[in-house]
Amino acid sequence: MSELVARTGRHQQRYEAGCRLIAGCIPFRFRYSEGSNGSKSEKILEVLMINSTSGPGLLFPKGGWENDETVEEAAAREALEEAGVRGELMHFLGHYYFKSKTLQDEFSPEGRCRAAMFALFVKEELDSWPEQSRRVRSWVTIPEAVNCCRHSWMREALENAFKKWTADAMIILMEHH
């Protein structure tokens, strides 16, 4: 089996109108809470977050969208590289704009970025993945995620789009998973 390796470098990076294009996702799963007599009771929705390599707080997987892939492929690749999970992209959550000092370059001097975010239903958690030496995975509830989220734009994606979508889609999701 070939080793999974994280893509590095920016020569394939997509830009549009001075924005670096980013793809990311909010990975989620359902966990059963234990009832008082040990029986499975309610399903709890959890999201997967990873530590930031540049400071406190937690993040959702995201990274540069490259020329040789669709935005969906980029979002799925980032989930695999950064968080070691595979799954099904279920819903487009919207575009989110932010600035990043670390992503300033000749094509985006101000480090402006536009992130396309998706909901990813996790079907597989890998024991080893490309960035595991730098990343710690944490399954958290939505209120916990809101509290520890490092970036306001990610919090907005979680609180507005993801919570609204899961509320609307919960009946369908519960039946299928």
N, C-alpha and C. Protein backbone atom coordinates (compact mmCIF):
# COMPACT_ATOMS: atom_id res chain seq x y z
N MET A 1 0.84 -1.20 0.00
CA MET A 1 0.00 0.00 0.00
C MET A 1 0.88 1.25 0.00
N SER A 2 0.56 2.20 -0.83
CA SER A 2 1.36 3.42 -0.89
C SER A 2 1.08 4.29 0.33
N GLU A 3 2.12 4.98 0.77
CA GLU A 3 1.98 5.88 1.92
C GLU A 3 1.19 7.12 1.50
N LEU A 4 0.33 7.59 2.38
CA LEU A 4 -0.37 8.84 2.13
C LEU A 4 0.57 9.99 2.48
N VAL A 5 0.70 10.94 1.60
CA VAL A 5 1.58 12.08 1.83
C VAL A 5 0.80 13.37 1.61
N ALA A 6 0.99 14.32 2.51
CA ALA A 6 0.30 15.61 2.37
C ALA A 6 0.93 16.40 1.23
N ARG A 7 0.08 17.03 0.44
CA ARG A 7 0.58 17.89 -0.63
C ARG A 7 1.14 19.16 -0.01
N THR A 8 2.25 19.60 -0.54
CA THR A 8 2.83 20.88 -0.07
C THR A 8 3.15 21.73 -1.29
N GLY A 9 3.42 22.99 -1.05
CA GLY A 9 3.75 23.90 -2.15
C GLY A 9 2.50 24.56 -2.70
N ARG A 10 2.71 25.66 -3.40
CA ARG A 10 1.57 26.46 -3.85
C ARG A 10 1.52 26.66 -5.35
N HIS A 11 2.36 25.96 -6.11
CA HIS A 11 2.39 26.22 -7.56
C HIS A 11 1.08 25.81 -8.23
N GLN A 12 0.31 24.93 -7.61
CA GLN A 12 -0.96 24.49 -8.19
C GLN A 12 -2.16 25.25 -7.61
N GLN A 13 -1.86 26.17 -6.71
CA GLN A 13 -2.91 26.85 -5.95
C GLN A 13 -3.82 27.68 -6.85
N ARG A 14 -5.14 27.60 -6.60
CA ARG A 14 -6.11 28.41 -7.35
C ARG A 14 -6.31 29.77 -6.69
N TYR A 15 -6.49 30.79 -7.53
CA TYR A 15 -6.80 32.15 -7.06
C TYR A 15 -7.95 32.69 -7.90
N GLU A 16 -8.67 33.64 -7.33
CA GLU A 16 -9.72 34.31 -8.07
C GLU A 16 -9.86 35.72 -7.51
N ALA A 17 -9.67 36.71 -8.37
CA ALA A 17 -9.82 38.13 -7.97
C ALA A 17 -9.02 38.46 -6.71
N GLY A 18 -7.78 38.00 -6.68
CA GLY A 18 -6.91 38.31 -5.54
C GLY A 18 -7.16 37.52 -4.28
N CYS A 19 -8.05 36.53 -4.37
CA CYS A 19 -8.33 35.65 -3.22
C CYS A 19 -7.71 34.28 -3.47
N ARG A 20 -7.06 33.76 -2.46
CA ARG A 20 -6.61 32.36 -2.50
C ARG A 20 -7.84 31.51 -2.23
N LEU A 21 -8.08 30.50 -3.06
CA LEU A 21 -9.26 29.66 -2.89
C LEU A 21 -8.95 28.48 -1.99
N ILE A 22 -9.78 28.31 -0.99
CA ILE A 22 -9.60 27.32 0.07
C ILE A 22 -10.80 26.37 0.05
N ALA A 23 -10.55 25.12 0.39
CA ALA A 23 -11.65 24.15 0.54
C ALA A 23 -11.51 23.51 1.91
N GLY A 24 -12.66 23.31 2.57
CA GLY A 24 -12.62 22.70 3.90
C GLY A 24 -13.93 22.03 4.22
N CYS A 25 -13.98 21.41 5.39
CA CYS A 25 -15.22 20.75 5.77
C CYS A 25 -15.38 20.70 7.28
N ILE A 26 -16.62 20.48 7.67
CA ILE A 26 -16.95 20.21 9.07
C ILE A 26 -17.29 18.72 9.13
N PRO A 27 -16.34 17.89 9.58
CA PRO A 27 -16.60 16.45 9.68
C PRO A 27 -17.54 16.19 10.85
N PHE A 28 -18.51 15.27 10.66
CA PHE A 28 -19.44 14.98 11.75
C PHE A 28 -19.77 13.50 11.81
N ARG A 29 -20.30 13.09 12.97
CA ARG A 29 -20.75 11.72 13.18
C ARG A 29 -21.86 11.74 14.22
N PHE A 30 -22.50 10.60 14.38
CA PHE A 30 -23.47 10.43 15.45
C PHE A 30 -22.91 9.44 16.45
N ARG A 31 -23.07 9.75 17.72
CA ARG A 31 -22.66 8.83 18.78
C ARG A 31 -23.86 8.59 19.67
N TYR A 32 -24.04 7.36 20.07
CA TYR A 32 -25.14 7.07 21.00
C TYR A 32 -24.70 7.38 22.41
N SER A 33 -25.55 8.07 23.16
CA SER A 33 -25.26 8.27 24.58
C SER A 33 -25.73 7.02 25.32
N GLU A 34 -25.04 6.70 26.39
CA GLU A 34 -25.41 5.52 27.18
C GLU A 34 -26.60 5.85 28.08
N GLY A 35 -27.59 5.01 28.03
CA GLY A 35 -28.73 5.17 28.94
C GLY A 35 -28.34 4.73 30.34
N SER A 36 -29.19 4.95 31.32
CA SER A 36 -28.86 4.64 32.72
C SER A 36 -28.66 3.13 32.92
N ASN A 37 -29.32 2.32 32.11
CA ASN A 37 -29.17 0.86 32.27
C ASN A 37 -28.20 0.27 31.24
N GLY A 38 -27.34 1.15 30.67
CA GLY A 38 -26.35 0.67 29.71
C GLY A 38 -26.88 0.53 28.29
N SER A 39 -28.15 0.83 28.09
CA SER A 39 -28.72 0.73 26.74
C SER A 39 -28.37 1.99 25.95
N LYS A 40 -28.37 1.85 24.64
CA LYS A 40 -28.14 3.03 23.79
C LYS A 40 -29.39 3.89 23.85
N SER A 41 -29.19 5.17 24.12
CA SER A 41 -30.36 6.03 24.15
C SER A 41 -30.34 7.00 22.97
N GLU A 42 -30.10 8.27 23.23
CA GLU A 42 -30.23 9.23 22.13
C GLU A 42 -28.95 9.32 21.30
N LYS A 43 -29.14 9.71 20.04
CA LYS A 43 -28.00 9.96 19.17
C LYS A 43 -27.50 11.38 19.41
N ILE A 44 -26.20 11.53 19.59
CA ILE A 44 -25.59 12.84 19.80
C ILE A 44 -24.77 13.17 18.55
N LEU A 45 -24.96 14.38 18.03
CA LEU A 45 -24.20 14.85 16.88
C LEU A 45 -22.89 15.43 17.38
N GLU A 46 -21.78 14.95 16.83
CA GLU A 46 -20.46 15.47 17.19
C GLU A 46 -19.74 15.92 15.92
N VAL A 47 -18.87 16.92 16.07
CA VAL A 47 -18.03 17.37 14.96
C VAL A 47 -16.57 17.12 15.32
N LEU A 48 -15.76 16.92 14.30
CA LEU A 48 -14.34 16.64 14.49
C LEU A 48 -13.54 17.90 14.26
N MET A 49 -12.71 18.24 15.25
CA MET A 49 -11.83 19.39 15.13
C MET A 49 -10.39 18.94 15.33
N ILE A 50 -9.47 19.75 14.82
CA ILE A 50 -8.05 19.46 14.97
C ILE A 50 -7.37 20.67 15.58
N ASN A 51 -6.22 20.44 16.20
CA ASN A 51 -5.48 21.55 16.80
C ASN A 51 -4.88 22.41 15.69
N SER A 52 -4.70 23.68 16.00
CA SER A 52 -4.01 24.61 15.10
C SER A 52 -2.52 24.42 15.29
N THR A 53 -1.74 24.49 14.20
CA THR A 53 -0.28 24.40 14.35
C THR A 53 0.32 25.77 14.61
N SER A 54 -0.52 26.81 14.66
CA SER A 54 0.02 28.17 14.83
C SER A 54 -0.56 28.90 16.03
N GLY A 55 -1.14 28.18 16.98
CA GLY A 55 -1.65 28.89 18.16
C GLY A 55 -2.75 28.10 18.84
N PRO A 56 -3.39 28.72 19.83
CA PRO A 56 -4.43 28.03 20.61
C PRO A 56 -5.72 27.84 19.81
N GLY A 57 -6.61 27.04 20.34
CA GLY A 57 -7.92 26.84 19.72
C GLY A 57 -7.91 25.70 18.72
N LEU A 58 -9.10 25.31 18.32
CA LEU A 58 -9.26 24.19 17.40
C LEU A 58 -9.82 24.67 16.06
N LEU A 59 -9.61 23.85 15.04
CA LEU A 59 -10.00 24.18 13.67
C LEU A 59 -10.74 23.02 13.03
N PHE A 60 -11.38 23.32 11.90
CA PHE A 60 -11.87 22.28 10.99
C PHE A 60 -10.84 22.13 9.88
N PRO A 61 -10.74 20.95 9.29
CA PRO A 61 -9.74 20.75 8.22
C PRO A 61 -10.03 21.67 7.03
N LYS A 62 -8.98 22.29 6.52
CA LYS A 62 -9.10 23.14 5.34
C LYS A 62 -7.72 23.38 4.75
N GLY A 63 -7.71 23.75 3.47
CA GLY A 63 -6.44 24.04 2.83
C GLY A 63 -6.66 24.50 1.40
N GLY A 64 -5.57 24.72 0.70
CA GLY A 64 -5.64 25.25 -0.66
C GLY A 64 -6.33 24.32 -1.64
N TRP A 65 -7.16 24.92 -2.50
CA TRP A 65 -7.80 24.20 -3.58
C TRP A 65 -6.87 24.30 -4.79
N GLU A 66 -6.50 23.16 -5.36
CA GLU A 66 -5.50 23.14 -6.42
C GLU A 66 -6.11 22.92 -7.79
N ASN A 67 -5.32 23.23 -8.81
CA ASN A 67 -5.80 23.26 -10.20
C ASN A 67 -6.28 21.91 -10.73
N ASP A 68 -5.76 20.82 -10.19
CA ASP A 68 -6.07 19.52 -10.78
C ASP A 68 -7.18 18.78 -10.04
N GLU A 69 -7.98 19.50 -9.27
CA GLU A 69 -9.04 18.83 -8.50
C GLU A 69 -10.26 19.73 -8.42
N THR A 70 -11.41 19.10 -8.17
CA THR A 70 -12.63 19.87 -7.93
C THR A 70 -12.58 20.39 -6.50
N VAL A 71 -13.45 21.33 -6.19
CA VAL A 71 -13.48 21.87 -4.82
C VAL A 71 -13.89 20.78 -3.83
N GLU A 72 -14.76 19.87 -4.26
CA GLU A 72 -15.17 18.76 -3.39
C GLU A 72 -14.00 17.82 -3.12
N GLU A 73 -13.21 17.53 -4.18
CA GLU A 73 -12.03 16.68 -4.00
C GLU A 73 -11.03 17.33 -3.05
N ALA A 74 -10.87 18.65 -3.17
CA ALA A 74 -9.94 19.37 -2.28
C ALA A 74 -10.40 19.29 -0.83
N ALA A 75 -11.70 19.48 -0.59
CA ALA A 75 -12.23 19.41 0.78
C ALA A 75 -12.02 18.02 1.36
N ALA A 76 -12.29 16.98 0.57
CA ALA A 76 -12.11 15.60 1.04
C ALA A 76 -10.63 15.30 1.28
N ARG A 77 -9.75 15.82 0.42
CA ARG A 77 -8.30 15.60 0.58
C ARG A 77 -7.80 16.26 1.87
N GLU A 78 -8.26 17.47 2.15
CA GLU A 78 -7.82 18.15 3.37
C GLU A 78 -8.28 17.39 4.63
N ALA A 79 -9.50 16.84 4.59
CA ALA A 79 -9.99 16.06 5.73
C ALA A 79 -9.10 14.84 5.95
N LEU A 80 -8.67 14.23 4.86
CA LEU A 80 -7.80 13.05 4.95
C LEU A 80 -6.40 13.44 5.43
N GLU A 81 -5.81 14.49 4.83
CA GLU A 81 -4.45 14.88 5.17
C GLU A 81 -4.34 15.41 6.60
N GLU A 82 -5.25 16.30 6.99
CA GLU A 82 -5.12 16.97 8.28
C GLU A 82 -5.75 16.22 9.43
N ALA A 83 -6.88 15.53 9.17
CA ALA A 83 -7.62 14.88 10.26
C ALA A 83 -7.69 13.36 10.14
N GLY A 84 -7.23 12.81 9.03
CA GLY A 84 -7.22 11.36 8.88
C GLY A 84 -8.60 10.73 8.82
N VAL A 85 -9.55 11.43 8.19
CA VAL A 85 -10.90 10.86 8.06
C VAL A 85 -11.34 10.85 6.60
N ARG A 86 -12.16 9.83 6.30
CA ARG A 86 -12.80 9.73 4.99
C ARG A 86 -14.29 9.67 5.21
N GLY A 87 -15.05 10.16 4.23
CA GLY A 87 -16.49 10.09 4.38
C GLY A 87 -17.21 10.59 3.16
N GLU A 88 -18.42 11.04 3.38
CA GLU A 88 -19.30 11.48 2.29
C GLU A 88 -19.59 12.96 2.47
N LEU A 89 -19.25 13.75 1.44
CA LEU A 89 -19.62 15.17 1.47
C LEU A 89 -21.12 15.26 1.27
N MET A 90 -21.81 15.81 2.25
CA MET A 90 -23.27 15.79 2.25
C MET A 90 -23.90 17.11 1.82
N HIS A 91 -23.21 18.22 2.07
CA HIS A 91 -23.88 19.51 1.87
C HIS A 91 -22.85 20.62 1.76
N PHE A 92 -23.07 21.55 0.81
CA PHE A 92 -22.23 22.74 0.69
C PHE A 92 -22.75 23.79 1.68
N LEU A 93 -21.87 24.26 2.55
CA LEU A 93 -22.27 25.18 3.63
C LEU A 93 -22.11 26.65 3.26
N GLY A 94 -21.42 26.93 2.16
CA GLY A 94 -21.27 28.32 1.75
C GLY A 94 -19.82 28.74 1.61
N HIS A 95 -19.63 29.99 1.16
CA HIS A 95 -18.30 30.59 1.03
C HIS A 95 -18.06 31.53 2.20
N TYR A 96 -16.84 31.51 2.71
CA TYR A 96 -16.46 32.35 3.86
C TYR A 96 -15.16 33.06 3.52
N TYR A 97 -15.14 34.36 3.77
CA TYR A 97 -13.96 35.18 3.46
C TYR A 97 -13.17 35.47 4.73
N PHE A 98 -11.86 35.43 4.60
CA PHE A 98 -11.00 35.77 5.74
C PHE A 98 -9.63 36.20 5.22
N LYS A 99 -8.83 36.77 6.11
CA LYS A 99 -7.46 37.16 5.76
C LYS A 99 -6.49 36.35 6.60
N SER A 100 -5.38 35.98 5.99
CA SER A 100 -4.38 35.19 6.69
C SER A 100 -2.99 35.75 6.39
N LYS A 101 -2.28 36.17 7.44
CA LYS A 101 -0.91 36.67 7.25
C LYS A 101 0.00 35.59 6.66
N THR A 102 -0.22 34.35 7.08
CA THR A 102 0.67 33.27 6.62
C THR A 102 0.41 32.90 5.15
N LEU A 103 -0.72 33.34 4.58
CA LEU A 103 -1.03 33.02 3.19
C LEU A 103 -0.84 34.20 2.25
N GLN A 104 -0.14 35.25 2.71
CA GLN A 104 0.16 36.37 1.83
C GLN A 104 1.19 35.92 0.80
N ASP A 105 0.96 36.24 -0.47
CA ASP A 105 1.93 35.95 -1.52
C ASP A 105 1.72 36.91 -2.67
N GLU A 106 2.45 36.73 -3.76
CA GLU A 106 2.38 37.69 -4.88
C GLU A 106 0.99 37.76 -5.50
N PHE A 107 0.23 36.66 -5.44
CA PHE A 107 -1.10 36.63 -6.06
C PHE A 107 -2.18 37.17 -5.12
N SER A 108 -1.89 37.14 -3.83
CA SER A 108 -2.83 37.67 -2.84
C SER A 108 -2.02 38.39 -1.76
N PRO A 109 -1.56 39.60 -2.08
CA PRO A 109 -0.64 40.31 -1.17
C PRO A 109 -1.22 40.55 0.22
N GLU A 110 -2.55 40.66 0.31
CA GLU A 110 -3.16 40.90 1.62
C GLU A 110 -3.53 39.60 2.32
N GLY A 111 -3.26 38.48 1.68
CA GLY A 111 -3.61 37.19 2.28
C GLY A 111 -5.11 36.94 2.31
N ARG A 112 -5.85 37.53 1.34
CA ARG A 112 -7.30 37.33 1.31
C ARG A 112 -7.61 35.92 0.82
N CYS A 113 -8.55 35.28 1.48
CA CYS A 113 -8.93 33.91 1.15
C CYS A 113 -10.45 33.78 1.07
N ARG A 114 -10.88 32.86 0.22
CA ARG A 114 -12.30 32.49 0.17
C ARG A 114 -12.39 30.99 0.35
N ALA A 115 -13.04 30.58 1.42
CA ALA A 115 -13.14 29.14 1.73
C ALA A 115 -14.52 28.62 1.36
N ALA A 116 -14.54 27.52 0.62
CA ALA A 116 -15.76 26.77 0.35
C ALA A 116 -15.84 25.67 1.39
N MET A 117 -16.88 25.68 2.22
CA MET A 117 -16.99 24.71 3.32
C MET A 117 -18.13 23.73 3.07
N PHE A 118 -17.89 22.48 3.46
CA PHE A 118 -18.86 21.39 3.27
C PHE A 118 -19.08 20.66 4.59
N ALA A 119 -20.21 19.98 4.69
CA ALA A 119 -20.46 19.03 5.79
C ALA A 119 -19.99 17.66 5.30
N LEU A 120 -19.16 17.00 6.09
CA LEU A 120 -18.62 15.69 5.74
C LEU A 120 -19.07 14.65 6.75
N PHE A 121 -19.88 13.68 6.30
CA PHE A 121 -20.28 12.59 7.20
C PHE A 121 -19.15 11.58 7.24
N VAL A 122 -18.54 11.41 8.42
CA VAL A 122 -17.35 10.57 8.56
C VAL A 122 -17.75 9.09 8.59
N LYS A 123 -17.11 8.32 7.71
CA LYS A 123 -17.36 6.88 7.65
C LYS A 123 -16.14 6.08 8.08
N GLU A 124 -14.98 6.72 8.08
CA GLU A 124 -13.75 5.99 8.41
C GLU A 124 -12.76 6.94 9.08
N GLU A 125 -12.19 6.49 10.21
CA GLU A 125 -11.12 7.22 10.89
C GLU A 125 -9.85 6.39 10.75
N LEU A 126 -8.84 6.96 10.12
CA LEU A 126 -7.60 6.23 9.88
C LEU A 126 -6.71 6.26 11.12
N ASP A 127 -5.96 5.19 11.32
CA ASP A 127 -5.01 5.14 12.44
C ASP A 127 -3.75 5.94 12.14
N SER A 128 -3.40 6.02 10.86
CA SER A 128 -2.26 6.85 10.49
C SER A 128 -2.66 7.71 9.30
N TRP A 129 -2.20 8.94 9.30
CA TRP A 129 -2.53 9.89 8.23
C TRP A 129 -1.39 10.89 8.10
N PRO A 130 -1.34 11.63 6.97
CA PRO A 130 -0.15 12.44 6.67
C PRO A 130 0.28 13.42 7.75
N GLU A 131 -0.66 14.10 8.41
CA GLU A 131 -0.27 15.15 9.37
C GLU A 131 -0.44 14.72 10.83
N GLN A 132 -0.46 13.40 11.08
CA GLN A 132 -0.74 12.95 12.44
C GLN A 132 0.31 13.38 13.46
N SER A 133 1.54 13.62 13.00
CA SER A 133 2.58 14.05 13.95
C SER A 133 2.35 15.49 14.42
N ARG A 134 1.55 16.26 13.65
CA ARG A 134 1.30 17.67 13.98
C ARG A 134 -0.12 17.94 14.43
N ARG A 135 -0.99 16.95 14.31
CA ARG A 135 -2.42 17.17 14.55
C ARG A 135 -2.98 16.22 15.60
N VAL A 136 -3.85 16.76 16.44
CA VAL A 136 -4.60 15.95 17.40
C VAL A 136 -6.07 16.10 17.04
N ARG A 137 -6.78 14.97 16.93
CA ARG A 137 -8.22 15.01 16.61
C ARG A 137 -9.03 15.07 17.89
N SER A 138 -10.11 15.83 17.85
CA SER A 138 -11.03 15.91 18.99
C SER A 138 -12.46 15.89 18.49
N TRP A 139 -13.24 14.89 18.95
CA TRP A 139 -14.68 14.87 18.67
C TRP A 139 -15.36 15.67 19.77
N VAL A 140 -16.12 16.68 19.36
CA VAL A 140 -16.77 17.57 20.33
C VAL A 140 -18.22 17.82 19.92
N THR A 141 -19.03 18.23 20.88
CA THR A 141 -20.41 18.62 20.57
C THR A 141 -20.38 20.01 19.91
N ILE A 142 -21.48 20.41 19.32
CA ILE A 142 -21.51 21.72 18.66
C ILE A 142 -21.26 22.87 19.65
N PRO A 143 -21.89 22.87 20.85
CA PRO A 143 -21.58 23.96 21.80
C PRO A 143 -20.10 23.99 22.18
N GLU A 144 -19.47 22.82 22.35
CA GLU A 144 -18.03 22.78 22.66
C GLU A 144 -17.23 23.34 21.49
N ALA A 145 -17.63 22.98 20.28
CA ALA A 145 -16.92 23.45 19.08
C ALA A 145 -17.01 24.97 18.96
N VAL A 146 -18.18 25.53 19.23
CA VAL A 146 -18.36 26.98 19.16
C VAL A 146 -17.39 27.66 20.15
N ASN A 147 -17.26 27.09 21.34
CA ASN A 147 -16.39 27.67 22.38
C ASN A 147 -14.92 27.62 22.03
N CYS A 148 -14.46 26.53 21.41
CA CYS A 148 -13.01 26.38 21.22
C CYS A 148 -12.55 26.67 19.80
N CYS A 149 -13.44 27.11 18.93
CA CYS A 149 -13.09 27.38 17.54
C CYS A 149 -12.16 28.60 17.45
N ARG A 150 -11.03 28.43 16.78
CA ARG A 150 -10.00 29.48 16.71
C ARG A 150 -10.43 30.65 15.82
N HIS A 151 -11.12 30.37 14.73
CA HIS A 151 -11.43 31.42 13.74
C HIS A 151 -12.92 31.77 13.72
N SER A 152 -13.21 33.06 13.68
CA SER A 152 -14.60 33.50 13.70
C SER A 152 -15.35 33.03 12.44
N TRP A 153 -14.67 32.98 11.29
CA TRP A 153 -15.36 32.55 10.06
C TRP A 153 -15.74 31.07 10.14
N MET A 154 -14.93 30.26 10.80
CA MET A 154 -15.28 28.84 10.98
C MET A 154 -16.46 28.70 11.94
N ARG A 155 -16.46 29.54 12.97
CA ARG A 155 -17.56 29.53 13.94
C ARG A 155 -18.87 29.90 13.23
N GLU A 156 -18.76 30.88 12.32
CA GLU A 156 -19.94 31.30 11.56
C GLU A 156 -20.46 30.14 10.69
N ALA A 157 -19.55 29.43 10.03
CA ALA A 157 -19.95 28.27 9.21
C ALA A 157 -20.65 27.22 10.07
N LEU A 158 -20.14 27.02 11.28
CA LEU A 158 -20.70 26.02 12.19
C LEU A 158 -22.06 26.49 12.73
N GLU A 159 -22.10 27.70 13.25
CA GLU A 159 -23.32 28.17 13.93
C GLU A 159 -24.45 28.47 12.96
N ASN A 160 -24.13 29.06 11.83
CA ASN A 160 -25.19 29.45 10.90
C ASN A 160 -25.53 28.31 9.95
N ALA A 161 -24.60 27.95 9.08
CA ALA A 161 -24.90 26.99 8.02
C ALA A 161 -25.02 25.55 8.52
N PHE A 162 -24.06 25.08 9.29
CA PHE A 162 -24.06 23.66 9.68
C PHE A 162 -25.23 23.35 10.62
N LYS A 163 -25.42 24.19 11.62
CA LYS A 163 -26.52 23.94 12.57
C LYS A 163 -27.88 24.00 11.88
N LYS A 164 -28.04 24.94 10.96
CA LYS A 164 -29.30 25.07 10.23
C LYS A 164 -29.52 23.84 9.34
N TRP A 165 -28.47 23.45 8.62
CA TRP A 165 -28.59 22.29 7.73
C TRP A 165 -28.91 21.02 8.51
N THR A 166 -28.19 20.78 9.61
CA THR A 166 -28.44 19.55 10.37
C THR A 166 -29.83 19.56 10.98
N ALA A 167 -30.32 20.73 11.39
CA ALA A 167 -31.68 20.80 11.93
C ALA A 167 -32.69 20.43 10.85
N ASP A 168 -32.47 20.96 9.64
CA ASP A 168 -33.38 20.67 8.52
C ASP A 168 -33.25 19.22 8.06
N ALA A 169 -32.03 18.70 8.07
CA ALA A 169 -31.76 17.38 7.49
C ALA A 169 -31.76 16.25 8.51
N MET A 170 -31.98 16.57 9.78
CA MET A 170 -31.80 15.59 10.84
C MET A 170 -32.66 14.34 10.65
N ILE A 171 -33.88 14.50 10.22
CA ILE A 171 -34.76 13.33 10.05
C ILE A 171 -34.16 12.40 9.00
N ILE A 172 -33.71 12.97 7.90
CA ILE A 172 -33.12 12.16 6.83
C ILE A 172 -31.83 11.51 7.32
N LEU A 173 -31.00 12.30 7.99
CA LEU A 173 -29.71 11.79 8.49
C LEU A 173 -29.91 10.65 9.47
N MET A 174 -30.85 10.80 10.38
CA MET A 174 -31.08 9.80 11.41
C MET A 174 -31.53 8.47 10.79
N GLU A 175 -32.31 8.56 9.73
CA GLU A 175 -32.80 7.33 9.11
C GLU A 175 -31.71 6.58 8.37
N HIS A 176 -30.75 7.34 7.81
CA HIS A 176 -29.74 6.71 6.97
C HIS A 176 -28.51 6.27 7.76
N HIS A 177 -28.30 6.82 8.94
CA HIS A 177 -27.02 6.53 9.62
C HIS A 177 -27.29 5.97 10.99
